[in-house]
Amino acid sequence: MTRTLALALYYGLARHLPRSFRPVRVARCWLRAWCARRLLKCCGREVNIERGADFGSGRQMVVGDRSGLGASFYGPGPITIGRDVMVGPDVVCLTRSLRSDRLDVPMKEQGWGEDEPITIGDDVWIGWRVIILPGVSIGRGAILGAGAVVAEDVPEYAIVGGNPARVIRYRTEGGHLAGSEPPAASGK
């Protein structure tokens, strides 16, 4: 009964309340967090869910302490988000794709493939309008630049951007991982 009430309250009211940076923020943040704690598989402390976030039923989503889902986040399906993760507005996490393996059947009639979980490590910053594709893992401390389309795993402390996303540099001293070669010069 509590879960049904939380679903109705979240998708009927809380999801549509203004963003948390507007005046009277406490009540909105509290209401969205209250719903999330009852809907998500696991919801950490001090989680911030912004206006318009859509996580489906939430049964397969884990959100760690002090993490936030940005405005208009979309991510139904098996997603694990670590601690201290910042997710910007309009981020999309796709955990499955439409099937397209048969040529004798229109793609729209082939249905969906299996869920491929997305894992996001601790202390990650995901910029505005990033798209994360099925089965991707994002390493601890990574930064995903605005508009990136992330189709492959992202190493720890990497800064990625583009479509498809690629490593631009690392957050570590010297801009590359210890024990590895620095990224090749672009020739510009």
N, C-alpha and C. Protein backbone atom coordinates (compact mmCIF):
# COMPACT_ATOMS: atom_id res chain seq x y z
N MET A 1 0.82 -1.20 0.00
CA MET A 1 0.00 0.00 0.00
C MET A 1 0.86 1.26 0.00
N THR A 2 1.93 1.28 0.81
CA THR A 2 2.80 2.46 0.88
C THR A 2 3.47 2.71 -0.47
N ARG A 3 3.88 1.64 -1.15
CA ARG A 3 4.54 1.77 -2.45
C ARG A 3 3.57 2.37 -3.48
N THR A 4 2.32 1.91 -3.48
CA THR A 4 1.32 2.44 -4.41
C THR A 4 1.06 3.92 -4.12
N LEU A 5 0.97 4.26 -2.85
CA LEU A 5 0.78 5.66 -2.47
C LEU A 5 1.98 6.50 -2.91
N ALA A 6 3.18 5.99 -2.69
CA ALA A 6 4.39 6.72 -3.08
C ALA A 6 4.45 6.92 -4.59
N LEU A 7 4.09 5.90 -5.37
CA LEU A 7 4.07 6.02 -6.83
C LEU A 7 3.07 7.09 -7.27
N ALA A 8 1.87 7.04 -6.71
CA ALA A 8 0.84 8.02 -7.06
C ALA A 8 1.26 9.42 -6.64
N LEU A 9 1.83 9.56 -5.46
CA LEU A 9 2.25 10.87 -4.96
C LEU A 9 3.41 11.41 -5.78
N TYR A 10 4.38 10.54 -6.12
CA TYR A 10 5.53 11.01 -6.87
C TYR A 10 5.13 11.43 -8.29
N TYR A 11 4.52 10.50 -9.05
CA TYR A 11 4.21 10.80 -10.45
C TYR A 11 3.00 11.73 -10.61
N GLY A 12 2.15 11.81 -9.58
CA GLY A 12 1.00 12.70 -9.66
C GLY A 12 1.28 14.12 -9.19
N LEU A 13 2.26 14.28 -8.24
CA LEU A 13 2.50 15.60 -7.69
C LEU A 13 3.98 15.96 -7.58
N ALA A 14 4.73 15.20 -6.80
CA ALA A 14 6.10 15.58 -6.45
C ALA A 14 6.99 15.78 -7.67
N ARG A 15 6.85 14.95 -8.67
CA ARG A 15 7.67 15.04 -9.88
C ARG A 15 7.47 16.36 -10.62
N HIS A 16 6.31 16.96 -10.43
CA HIS A 16 5.95 18.17 -11.18
C HIS A 16 6.22 19.47 -10.41
N LEU A 17 6.63 19.37 -9.16
CA LEU A 17 6.93 20.56 -8.37
C LEU A 17 8.18 21.24 -8.93
N PRO A 18 8.33 22.55 -8.72
CA PRO A 18 9.50 23.27 -9.24
C PRO A 18 10.82 22.69 -8.75
N ARG A 19 11.90 23.04 -9.45
CA ARG A 19 13.25 22.58 -9.10
C ARG A 19 13.63 23.03 -7.71
N SER A 20 14.62 22.37 -7.14
CA SER A 20 14.98 22.61 -5.74
C SER A 20 15.65 23.95 -5.50
N PHE A 21 16.19 24.61 -6.52
CA PHE A 21 16.87 25.88 -6.28
C PHE A 21 15.88 27.05 -6.21
N ARG A 22 14.62 26.81 -6.42
CA ARG A 22 13.59 27.85 -6.30
C ARG A 22 13.25 28.04 -4.81
N PRO A 23 12.60 29.17 -4.44
CA PRO A 23 12.21 29.38 -3.05
C PRO A 23 11.33 28.24 -2.52
N VAL A 24 11.30 28.05 -1.25
CA VAL A 24 10.56 27.01 -0.54
C VAL A 24 11.03 25.62 -0.99
N ARG A 25 12.30 25.47 -1.11
CA ARG A 25 12.93 24.25 -1.62
C ARG A 25 12.75 23.06 -0.68
N VAL A 26 12.76 23.27 0.62
CA VAL A 26 12.78 22.17 1.60
C VAL A 26 11.61 21.22 1.42
N ALA A 27 10.41 21.73 1.28
CA ALA A 27 9.23 20.87 1.18
C ALA A 27 9.28 20.02 -0.08
N ARG A 28 9.68 20.62 -1.20
CA ARG A 28 9.74 19.86 -2.46
C ARG A 28 10.80 18.77 -2.38
N CYS A 29 11.98 19.13 -1.91
CA CYS A 29 13.07 18.15 -1.80
C CYS A 29 12.67 17.01 -0.86
N TRP A 30 12.06 17.37 0.25
CA TRP A 30 11.65 16.36 1.22
C TRP A 30 10.63 15.41 0.62
N LEU A 31 9.64 15.95 -0.07
CA LEU A 31 8.58 15.11 -0.65
C LEU A 31 9.14 14.17 -1.71
N ARG A 32 9.99 14.66 -2.60
CA ARG A 32 10.57 13.78 -3.62
C ARG A 32 11.47 12.72 -2.99
N ALA A 33 12.24 13.09 -1.97
CA ALA A 33 13.11 12.12 -1.28
C ALA A 33 12.27 11.08 -0.53
N TRP A 34 11.19 11.51 0.08
CA TRP A 34 10.30 10.59 0.79
C TRP A 34 9.76 9.54 -0.18
N CYS A 35 9.32 9.97 -1.33
CA CYS A 35 8.81 9.04 -2.36
C CYS A 35 9.93 8.12 -2.83
N ALA A 36 11.10 8.67 -3.11
CA ALA A 36 12.23 7.87 -3.62
C ALA A 36 12.61 6.77 -2.63
N ARG A 37 12.63 7.09 -1.34
CA ARG A 37 12.99 6.07 -0.33
C ARG A 37 12.02 4.90 -0.34
N ARG A 38 10.80 5.13 -0.77
CA ARG A 38 9.81 4.06 -0.80
C ARG A 38 9.73 3.36 -2.15
N LEU A 39 10.26 3.99 -3.19
CA LEU A 39 10.17 3.42 -4.53
C LEU A 39 11.45 2.74 -5.00
N LEU A 40 12.61 3.32 -4.69
CA LEU A 40 13.86 2.78 -5.18
C LEU A 40 14.25 1.52 -4.43
N LYS A 41 14.98 0.65 -5.11
CA LYS A 41 15.48 -0.58 -4.49
C LYS A 41 16.30 -0.23 -3.25
N CYS A 42 17.13 0.81 -3.38
CA CYS A 42 17.92 1.31 -2.26
C CYS A 42 18.16 2.80 -2.49
N CYS A 43 17.89 3.61 -1.48
CA CYS A 43 18.05 5.05 -1.58
C CYS A 43 18.85 5.54 -0.38
N GLY A 44 20.01 6.14 -0.65
CA GLY A 44 20.89 6.62 0.40
C GLY A 44 20.36 7.85 1.12
N ARG A 45 21.18 8.37 2.03
CA ARG A 45 20.85 9.57 2.79
C ARG A 45 21.13 10.81 1.95
N GLU A 46 20.36 11.85 2.21
CA GLU A 46 20.55 13.16 1.59
C GLU A 46 20.54 13.10 0.06
N VAL A 47 19.68 12.28 -0.50
CA VAL A 47 19.53 12.16 -1.95
C VAL A 47 18.62 13.30 -2.44
N ASN A 48 18.97 13.90 -3.57
CA ASN A 48 18.16 14.97 -4.15
C ASN A 48 17.61 14.50 -5.49
N ILE A 49 16.31 14.51 -5.61
CA ILE A 49 15.64 14.16 -6.86
C ILE A 49 15.02 15.44 -7.40
N GLU A 50 15.42 15.86 -8.59
CA GLU A 50 14.92 17.12 -9.16
C GLU A 50 13.62 16.91 -9.93
N ARG A 51 13.02 18.02 -10.28
CA ARG A 51 11.75 18.05 -11.01
C ARG A 51 11.82 17.20 -12.29
N GLY A 52 10.79 16.40 -12.50
CA GLY A 52 10.66 15.67 -13.75
C GLY A 52 11.45 14.38 -13.85
N ALA A 53 12.21 14.02 -12.82
CA ALA A 53 12.99 12.77 -12.89
C ALA A 53 12.06 11.58 -13.04
N ASP A 54 12.39 10.69 -13.97
CA ASP A 54 11.57 9.51 -14.25
C ASP A 54 12.45 8.28 -14.13
N PHE A 55 12.19 7.48 -13.10
CA PHE A 55 12.95 6.26 -12.88
C PHE A 55 12.04 5.04 -12.91
N GLY A 56 10.92 5.16 -13.63
CA GLY A 56 9.98 4.04 -13.74
C GLY A 56 9.43 3.67 -12.38
N SER A 57 9.35 2.39 -12.12
CA SER A 57 8.86 1.93 -10.81
C SER A 57 9.92 2.11 -9.73
N GLY A 58 11.19 2.22 -10.15
CA GLY A 58 12.27 2.38 -9.19
C GLY A 58 12.76 1.09 -8.57
N ARG A 59 12.10 0.00 -8.84
CA ARG A 59 12.42 -1.29 -8.19
C ARG A 59 13.84 -1.79 -8.46
N GLN A 60 14.46 -1.34 -9.56
CA GLN A 60 15.80 -1.84 -9.92
C GLN A 60 16.88 -0.76 -9.78
N MET A 61 16.54 0.37 -9.16
CA MET A 61 17.49 1.47 -9.08
C MET A 61 18.04 1.63 -7.67
N VAL A 62 19.37 1.84 -7.61
CA VAL A 62 20.07 2.10 -6.36
C VAL A 62 20.73 3.47 -6.49
N VAL A 63 20.51 4.33 -5.48
CA VAL A 63 21.13 5.66 -5.46
C VAL A 63 21.84 5.82 -4.12
N GLY A 64 23.13 6.12 -4.17
CA GLY A 64 23.95 6.23 -2.97
C GLY A 64 23.79 7.56 -2.25
N ASP A 65 24.37 7.63 -1.05
CA ASP A 65 24.32 8.82 -0.20
C ASP A 65 24.77 10.07 -0.94
N ARG A 66 24.07 11.16 -0.69
CA ARG A 66 24.41 12.50 -1.18
C ARG A 66 24.48 12.60 -2.71
N SER A 67 23.79 11.73 -3.40
CA SER A 67 23.74 11.80 -4.87
C SER A 67 22.45 12.48 -5.29
N GLY A 68 22.42 12.94 -6.53
CA GLY A 68 21.23 13.61 -7.02
C GLY A 68 20.92 13.26 -8.46
N LEU A 69 19.63 13.22 -8.77
CA LEU A 69 19.17 13.02 -10.13
C LEU A 69 18.69 14.36 -10.64
N GLY A 70 19.27 14.83 -11.75
CA GLY A 70 18.94 16.14 -12.29
C GLY A 70 17.54 16.22 -12.85
N ALA A 71 17.12 17.44 -13.12
CA ALA A 71 15.80 17.69 -13.70
C ALA A 71 15.63 16.90 -14.99
N SER A 72 14.47 16.30 -15.15
CA SER A 72 14.11 15.52 -16.33
C SER A 72 15.02 14.32 -16.58
N PHE A 73 15.67 13.80 -15.54
CA PHE A 73 16.44 12.56 -15.65
C PHE A 73 15.50 11.47 -16.13
N TYR A 74 16.00 10.56 -16.99
CA TYR A 74 15.21 9.42 -17.45
C TYR A 74 16.07 8.17 -17.30
N GLY A 75 15.59 7.22 -16.51
CA GLY A 75 16.37 6.00 -16.31
C GLY A 75 15.61 4.88 -15.67
N PRO A 76 14.59 4.34 -16.33
CA PRO A 76 13.94 3.15 -15.79
C PRO A 76 14.81 1.93 -16.08
N GLY A 77 14.88 1.02 -15.16
CA GLY A 77 15.69 -0.18 -15.38
C GLY A 77 16.77 -0.31 -14.33
N PRO A 78 17.60 -1.34 -14.47
CA PRO A 78 18.63 -1.61 -13.46
C PRO A 78 19.80 -0.64 -13.55
N ILE A 79 19.82 0.33 -12.63
CA ILE A 79 20.87 1.34 -12.58
C ILE A 79 21.37 1.44 -11.15
N THR A 80 22.69 1.42 -10.99
CA THR A 80 23.30 1.63 -9.68
C THR A 80 24.12 2.90 -9.74
N ILE A 81 23.78 3.85 -8.87
CA ILE A 81 24.47 5.14 -8.81
C ILE A 81 25.16 5.20 -7.44
N GLY A 82 26.46 5.45 -7.46
CA GLY A 82 27.25 5.47 -6.22
C GLY A 82 26.98 6.69 -5.36
N ARG A 83 27.90 6.93 -4.41
CA ARG A 83 27.79 8.06 -3.49
C ARG A 83 28.36 9.33 -4.14
N ASP A 84 27.80 10.47 -3.74
CA ASP A 84 28.30 11.79 -4.15
C ASP A 84 28.31 11.98 -5.67
N VAL A 85 27.32 11.44 -6.36
CA VAL A 85 27.22 11.55 -7.82
C VAL A 85 26.32 12.74 -8.16
N MET A 86 26.79 13.57 -9.09
CA MET A 86 26.00 14.71 -9.59
C MET A 86 25.53 14.36 -10.99
N VAL A 87 24.22 14.31 -11.17
CA VAL A 87 23.63 14.01 -12.47
C VAL A 87 22.93 15.28 -12.95
N GLY A 88 23.37 15.81 -14.07
CA GLY A 88 22.81 17.05 -14.60
C GLY A 88 21.43 16.86 -15.20
N PRO A 89 20.84 17.96 -15.66
CA PRO A 89 19.52 17.92 -16.27
C PRO A 89 19.50 17.13 -17.58
N ASP A 90 18.37 16.54 -17.88
CA ASP A 90 18.08 15.86 -19.15
C ASP A 90 19.00 14.68 -19.44
N VAL A 91 19.55 14.06 -18.42
CA VAL A 91 20.40 12.87 -18.61
C VAL A 91 19.50 11.66 -18.87
N VAL A 92 19.92 10.82 -19.82
CA VAL A 92 19.16 9.62 -20.18
C VAL A 92 20.06 8.40 -19.97
N CYS A 93 19.56 7.44 -19.20
CA CYS A 93 20.27 6.17 -18.98
C CYS A 93 19.41 5.06 -19.57
N LEU A 94 19.86 4.50 -20.69
CA LEU A 94 19.10 3.44 -21.37
C LEU A 94 19.67 2.08 -20.97
N THR A 95 18.85 1.22 -20.42
CA THR A 95 19.33 -0.09 -20.00
C THR A 95 18.96 -1.20 -20.98
N ARG A 96 18.22 -0.86 -22.01
CA ARG A 96 17.94 -1.84 -23.07
C ARG A 96 17.61 -1.12 -24.36
N SER A 97 17.71 -1.86 -25.46
CA SER A 97 17.49 -1.30 -26.79
C SER A 97 16.43 -2.11 -27.52
N LEU A 98 15.87 -1.51 -28.54
CA LEU A 98 14.97 -2.26 -29.42
C LEU A 98 15.78 -3.30 -30.17
N ARG A 99 15.19 -4.45 -30.39
CA ARG A 99 15.88 -5.49 -31.16
C ARG A 99 15.82 -5.13 -32.64
N SER A 100 16.85 -5.55 -33.35
CA SER A 100 16.90 -5.28 -34.80
C SER A 100 17.62 -6.40 -35.54
N ASP A 101 17.70 -7.58 -34.92
CA ASP A 101 18.49 -8.66 -35.48
C ASP A 101 17.80 -9.40 -36.64
N ARG A 102 16.49 -9.32 -36.75
CA ARG A 102 15.79 -10.02 -37.82
C ARG A 102 15.48 -9.07 -38.96
N LEU A 103 15.73 -9.51 -40.18
CA LEU A 103 15.45 -8.68 -41.35
C LEU A 103 14.07 -8.95 -41.93
N ASP A 104 13.46 -10.08 -41.53
CA ASP A 104 12.15 -10.45 -42.07
C ASP A 104 11.00 -9.87 -41.25
N VAL A 105 11.30 -9.20 -40.16
CA VAL A 105 10.28 -8.62 -39.29
C VAL A 105 10.62 -7.14 -39.08
N PRO A 106 9.65 -6.24 -39.23
CA PRO A 106 9.94 -4.82 -38.99
C PRO A 106 10.49 -4.62 -37.58
N MET A 107 11.44 -3.72 -37.45
CA MET A 107 12.09 -3.48 -36.15
C MET A 107 11.08 -3.13 -35.07
N LYS A 108 10.06 -2.35 -35.41
CA LYS A 108 9.09 -1.94 -34.40
C LYS A 108 8.30 -3.11 -33.84
N GLU A 109 8.33 -4.27 -34.53
CA GLU A 109 7.61 -5.45 -34.06
C GLU A 109 8.53 -6.47 -33.38
N GLN A 110 9.82 -6.19 -33.30
CA GLN A 110 10.76 -7.16 -32.72
C GLN A 110 10.87 -7.06 -31.20
N GLY A 111 10.35 -5.99 -30.63
CA GLY A 111 10.36 -5.86 -29.18
C GLY A 111 11.70 -5.40 -28.63
N TRP A 112 11.81 -5.48 -27.33
CA TRP A 112 12.99 -5.01 -26.62
C TRP A 112 13.95 -6.14 -26.32
N GLY A 113 15.23 -5.83 -26.27
CA GLY A 113 16.24 -6.78 -25.84
C GLY A 113 16.23 -6.89 -24.32
N GLU A 114 17.15 -7.66 -23.80
CA GLU A 114 17.26 -7.85 -22.35
C GLU A 114 17.86 -6.61 -21.70
N ASP A 115 17.52 -6.39 -20.43
CA ASP A 115 18.13 -5.30 -19.66
C ASP A 115 19.62 -5.53 -19.50
N GLU A 116 20.40 -4.48 -19.68
CA GLU A 116 21.84 -4.49 -19.43
C GLU A 116 22.10 -3.39 -18.41
N PRO A 117 22.41 -3.76 -17.16
CA PRO A 117 22.54 -2.78 -16.08
C PRO A 117 23.61 -1.72 -16.36
N ILE A 118 23.36 -0.53 -15.85
CA ILE A 118 24.31 0.58 -15.87
C ILE A 118 24.83 0.76 -14.46
N THR A 119 26.15 0.93 -14.32
CA THR A 119 26.77 1.15 -13.02
C THR A 119 27.57 2.44 -13.06
N ILE A 120 27.29 3.31 -12.09
CA ILE A 120 27.98 4.60 -11.99
C ILE A 120 28.69 4.63 -10.65
N GLY A 121 30.01 4.77 -10.66
CA GLY A 121 30.81 4.77 -9.44
C GLY A 121 30.60 6.00 -8.58
N ASP A 122 31.32 6.06 -7.46
CA ASP A 122 31.25 7.19 -6.53
C ASP A 122 31.90 8.44 -7.14
N ASP A 123 31.45 9.60 -6.70
CA ASP A 123 32.07 10.89 -7.02
C ASP A 123 32.17 11.13 -8.53
N VAL A 124 31.08 10.87 -9.24
CA VAL A 124 31.03 11.07 -10.69
C VAL A 124 30.20 12.31 -10.99
N TRP A 125 30.59 13.05 -12.02
CA TRP A 125 29.83 14.22 -12.46
C TRP A 125 29.37 13.94 -13.88
N ILE A 126 28.05 13.92 -14.07
CA ILE A 126 27.46 13.65 -15.38
C ILE A 126 26.81 14.94 -15.86
N GLY A 127 27.33 15.50 -16.95
CA GLY A 127 26.88 16.80 -17.44
C GLY A 127 25.52 16.77 -18.10
N TRP A 128 25.09 17.93 -18.47
CA TRP A 128 23.78 18.18 -19.08
C TRP A 128 23.60 17.35 -20.35
N ARG A 129 22.47 16.69 -20.48
CA ARG A 129 22.05 15.94 -21.67
C ARG A 129 22.99 14.82 -22.10
N VAL A 130 23.64 14.19 -21.15
CA VAL A 130 24.45 13.01 -21.44
C VAL A 130 23.51 11.82 -21.67
N ILE A 131 23.88 10.95 -22.60
CA ILE A 131 23.14 9.71 -22.84
C ILE A 131 24.09 8.56 -22.54
N ILE A 132 23.66 7.66 -21.65
CA ILE A 132 24.45 6.48 -21.29
C ILE A 132 23.72 5.26 -21.84
N LEU A 133 24.41 4.48 -22.67
CA LEU A 133 23.79 3.34 -23.35
C LEU A 133 23.86 2.07 -22.48
N PRO A 134 23.09 1.04 -22.85
CA PRO A 134 22.98 -0.16 -22.02
C PRO A 134 24.33 -0.83 -21.72
N GLY A 135 24.44 -1.30 -20.47
CA GLY A 135 25.58 -2.11 -20.05
C GLY A 135 26.85 -1.33 -19.72
N VAL A 136 26.81 -0.02 -19.72
CA VAL A 136 28.01 0.80 -19.49
C VAL A 136 28.30 0.92 -17.99
N SER A 137 29.59 0.91 -17.65
CA SER A 137 30.05 1.18 -16.29
C SER A 137 30.88 2.45 -16.31
N ILE A 138 30.61 3.33 -15.37
CA ILE A 138 31.33 4.59 -15.25
C ILE A 138 32.21 4.48 -14.00
N GLY A 139 33.52 4.64 -14.16
CA GLY A 139 34.45 4.51 -13.05
C GLY A 139 34.39 5.66 -12.06
N ARG A 140 34.87 5.41 -10.88
CA ARG A 140 34.93 6.38 -9.79
C ARG A 140 35.62 7.67 -10.26
N GLY A 141 35.07 8.81 -9.87
CA GLY A 141 35.71 10.09 -10.11
C GLY A 141 35.68 10.58 -11.55
N ALA A 142 34.92 9.93 -12.41
CA ALA A 142 34.88 10.33 -13.83
C ALA A 142 34.00 11.57 -14.02
N ILE A 143 34.25 12.27 -15.12
CA ILE A 143 33.43 13.40 -15.53
C ILE A 143 32.96 13.12 -16.95
N LEU A 144 31.65 13.20 -17.17
CA LEU A 144 31.06 13.01 -18.49
C LEU A 144 30.58 14.37 -18.98
N GLY A 145 31.24 14.89 -20.01
CA GLY A 145 30.95 16.22 -20.53
C GLY A 145 29.55 16.32 -21.11
N ALA A 146 29.00 17.52 -21.07
CA ALA A 146 27.65 17.78 -21.56
C ALA A 146 27.48 17.25 -22.99
N GLY A 147 26.37 16.58 -23.22
CA GLY A 147 26.03 16.09 -24.55
C GLY A 147 26.74 14.81 -24.97
N ALA A 148 27.56 14.23 -24.11
CA ALA A 148 28.28 13.01 -24.47
C ALA A 148 27.31 11.84 -24.66
N VAL A 149 27.63 10.97 -25.61
CA VAL A 149 26.90 9.72 -25.79
C VAL A 149 27.87 8.61 -25.40
N VAL A 150 27.62 8.01 -24.25
CA VAL A 150 28.56 7.07 -23.65
C VAL A 150 28.14 5.64 -24.01
N ALA A 151 28.92 5.03 -24.92
CA ALA A 151 28.60 3.69 -25.43
C ALA A 151 29.54 2.63 -24.88
N GLU A 152 30.65 3.06 -24.24
CA GLU A 152 31.64 2.12 -23.70
C GLU A 152 31.97 2.49 -22.26
N ASP A 153 32.52 1.54 -21.53
CA ASP A 153 32.89 1.79 -20.14
C ASP A 153 33.86 2.97 -20.04
N VAL A 154 33.73 3.73 -18.95
CA VAL A 154 34.58 4.90 -18.71
C VAL A 154 35.51 4.56 -17.54
N PRO A 155 36.84 4.70 -17.73
CA PRO A 155 37.79 4.39 -16.66
C PRO A 155 37.67 5.38 -15.49
N GLU A 156 38.20 4.99 -14.35
CA GLU A 156 38.23 5.87 -13.19
C GLU A 156 38.96 7.17 -13.53
N TYR A 157 38.46 8.27 -13.02
CA TYR A 157 39.04 9.60 -13.13
C TYR A 157 39.21 10.11 -14.56
N ALA A 158 38.52 9.49 -15.51
CA ALA A 158 38.58 9.95 -16.90
C ALA A 158 37.60 11.11 -17.10
N ILE A 159 37.97 12.01 -17.99
CA ILE A 159 37.07 13.05 -18.45
C ILE A 159 36.75 12.69 -19.90
N VAL A 160 35.46 12.45 -20.17
CA VAL A 160 35.05 12.03 -21.51
C VAL A 160 34.08 13.04 -22.10
N GLY A 161 34.03 13.07 -23.43
CA GLY A 161 33.08 13.94 -24.12
C GLY A 161 32.94 13.49 -25.56
N GLY A 162 31.91 14.00 -26.21
CA GLY A 162 31.71 13.73 -27.63
C GLY A 162 30.68 12.65 -27.91
N ASN A 163 30.51 12.40 -29.22
CA ASN A 163 29.58 11.38 -29.69
C ASN A 163 30.24 10.61 -30.82
N PRO A 164 30.68 9.38 -30.55
CA PRO A 164 30.64 8.69 -29.27
C PRO A 164 31.67 9.28 -28.30
N ALA A 165 31.38 9.14 -27.00
CA ALA A 165 32.27 9.69 -25.99
C ALA A 165 33.64 9.01 -26.06
N ARG A 166 34.68 9.82 -25.86
CA ARG A 166 36.04 9.28 -25.81
C ARG A 166 36.76 10.00 -24.68
N VAL A 167 37.84 9.39 -24.20
CA VAL A 167 38.61 9.99 -23.12
C VAL A 167 39.35 11.21 -23.66
N ILE A 168 39.15 12.34 -23.02
CA ILE A 168 39.84 13.58 -23.38
C ILE A 168 41.14 13.67 -22.58
N ARG A 169 41.04 13.39 -21.30
CA ARG A 169 42.19 13.34 -20.42
C ARG A 169 41.74 12.72 -19.11
N TYR A 170 42.66 12.64 -18.16
CA TYR A 170 42.34 12.12 -16.84
C TYR A 170 42.48 13.22 -15.80
N ARG A 171 41.78 13.09 -14.70
CA ARG A 171 41.82 14.08 -13.63
C ARG A 171 43.08 13.97 -12.79
N THR A 172 43.85 12.95 -12.98
CA THR A 172 45.05 12.72 -12.18
C THR A 172 46.17 13.66 -12.63
N GLU A 173 47.22 13.75 -11.83
CA GLU A 173 48.35 14.62 -12.15
C GLU A 173 48.94 14.24 -13.51
N GLY A 174 49.17 15.21 -14.34
CA GLY A 174 49.71 14.96 -15.68
C GLY A 174 48.64 14.63 -16.70
N GLY A 175 47.39 14.46 -16.27
CA GLY A 175 46.30 14.22 -17.20
C GLY A 175 46.20 12.80 -17.73
N HIS A 176 46.95 11.85 -17.15
CA HIS A 176 46.82 10.46 -17.57
C HIS A 176 46.95 9.57 -16.35
N LEU A 177 46.54 8.32 -16.48
CA LEU A 177 46.60 7.39 -15.36
C LEU A 177 48.04 7.01 -15.06
N ALA A 178 48.34 6.83 -13.79
CA ALA A 178 49.69 6.42 -13.39
C ALA A 178 50.05 5.11 -14.08
N GLY A 179 51.24 5.04 -14.62
CA GLY A 179 51.70 3.81 -15.29
C GLY A 179 51.25 3.70 -16.73
N SER A 180 50.53 4.69 -17.24
CA SER A 180 50.09 4.62 -18.64
C SER A 180 50.69 5.79 -19.40
N GLU A 181 50.67 5.66 -20.69
CA GLU A 181 51.20 6.72 -21.55
C GLU A 181 50.19 7.85 -21.63
N PRO A 182 50.66 9.09 -21.76
CA PRO A 182 49.72 10.19 -21.95
C PRO A 182 48.96 10.03 -23.26
N PRO A 183 47.76 10.62 -23.36
CA PRO A 183 47.02 10.52 -24.62
C PRO A 183 47.82 11.11 -25.78
N ALA A 184 47.65 10.54 -26.97
CA ALA A 184 48.37 11.01 -28.16
C ALA A 184 47.93 12.43 -28.51
N ALA A 185 48.85 13.21 -29.03
CA ALA A 185 48.53 14.59 -29.44
C ALA A 185 47.56 14.56 -30.61
N SER A 186 46.68 15.55 -30.68
CA SER A 186 45.67 15.56 -31.74
C SER A 186 46.21 16.12 -33.05
N GLY A 187 47.40 16.72 -33.04
CA GLY A 187 47.97 17.24 -34.27
C GLY A 187 47.54 18.65 -34.60
N LYS A 188 46.81 19.27 -33.68
CA LYS A 188 46.34 20.65 -33.92
C LYS A 188 47.34 21.65 -33.39
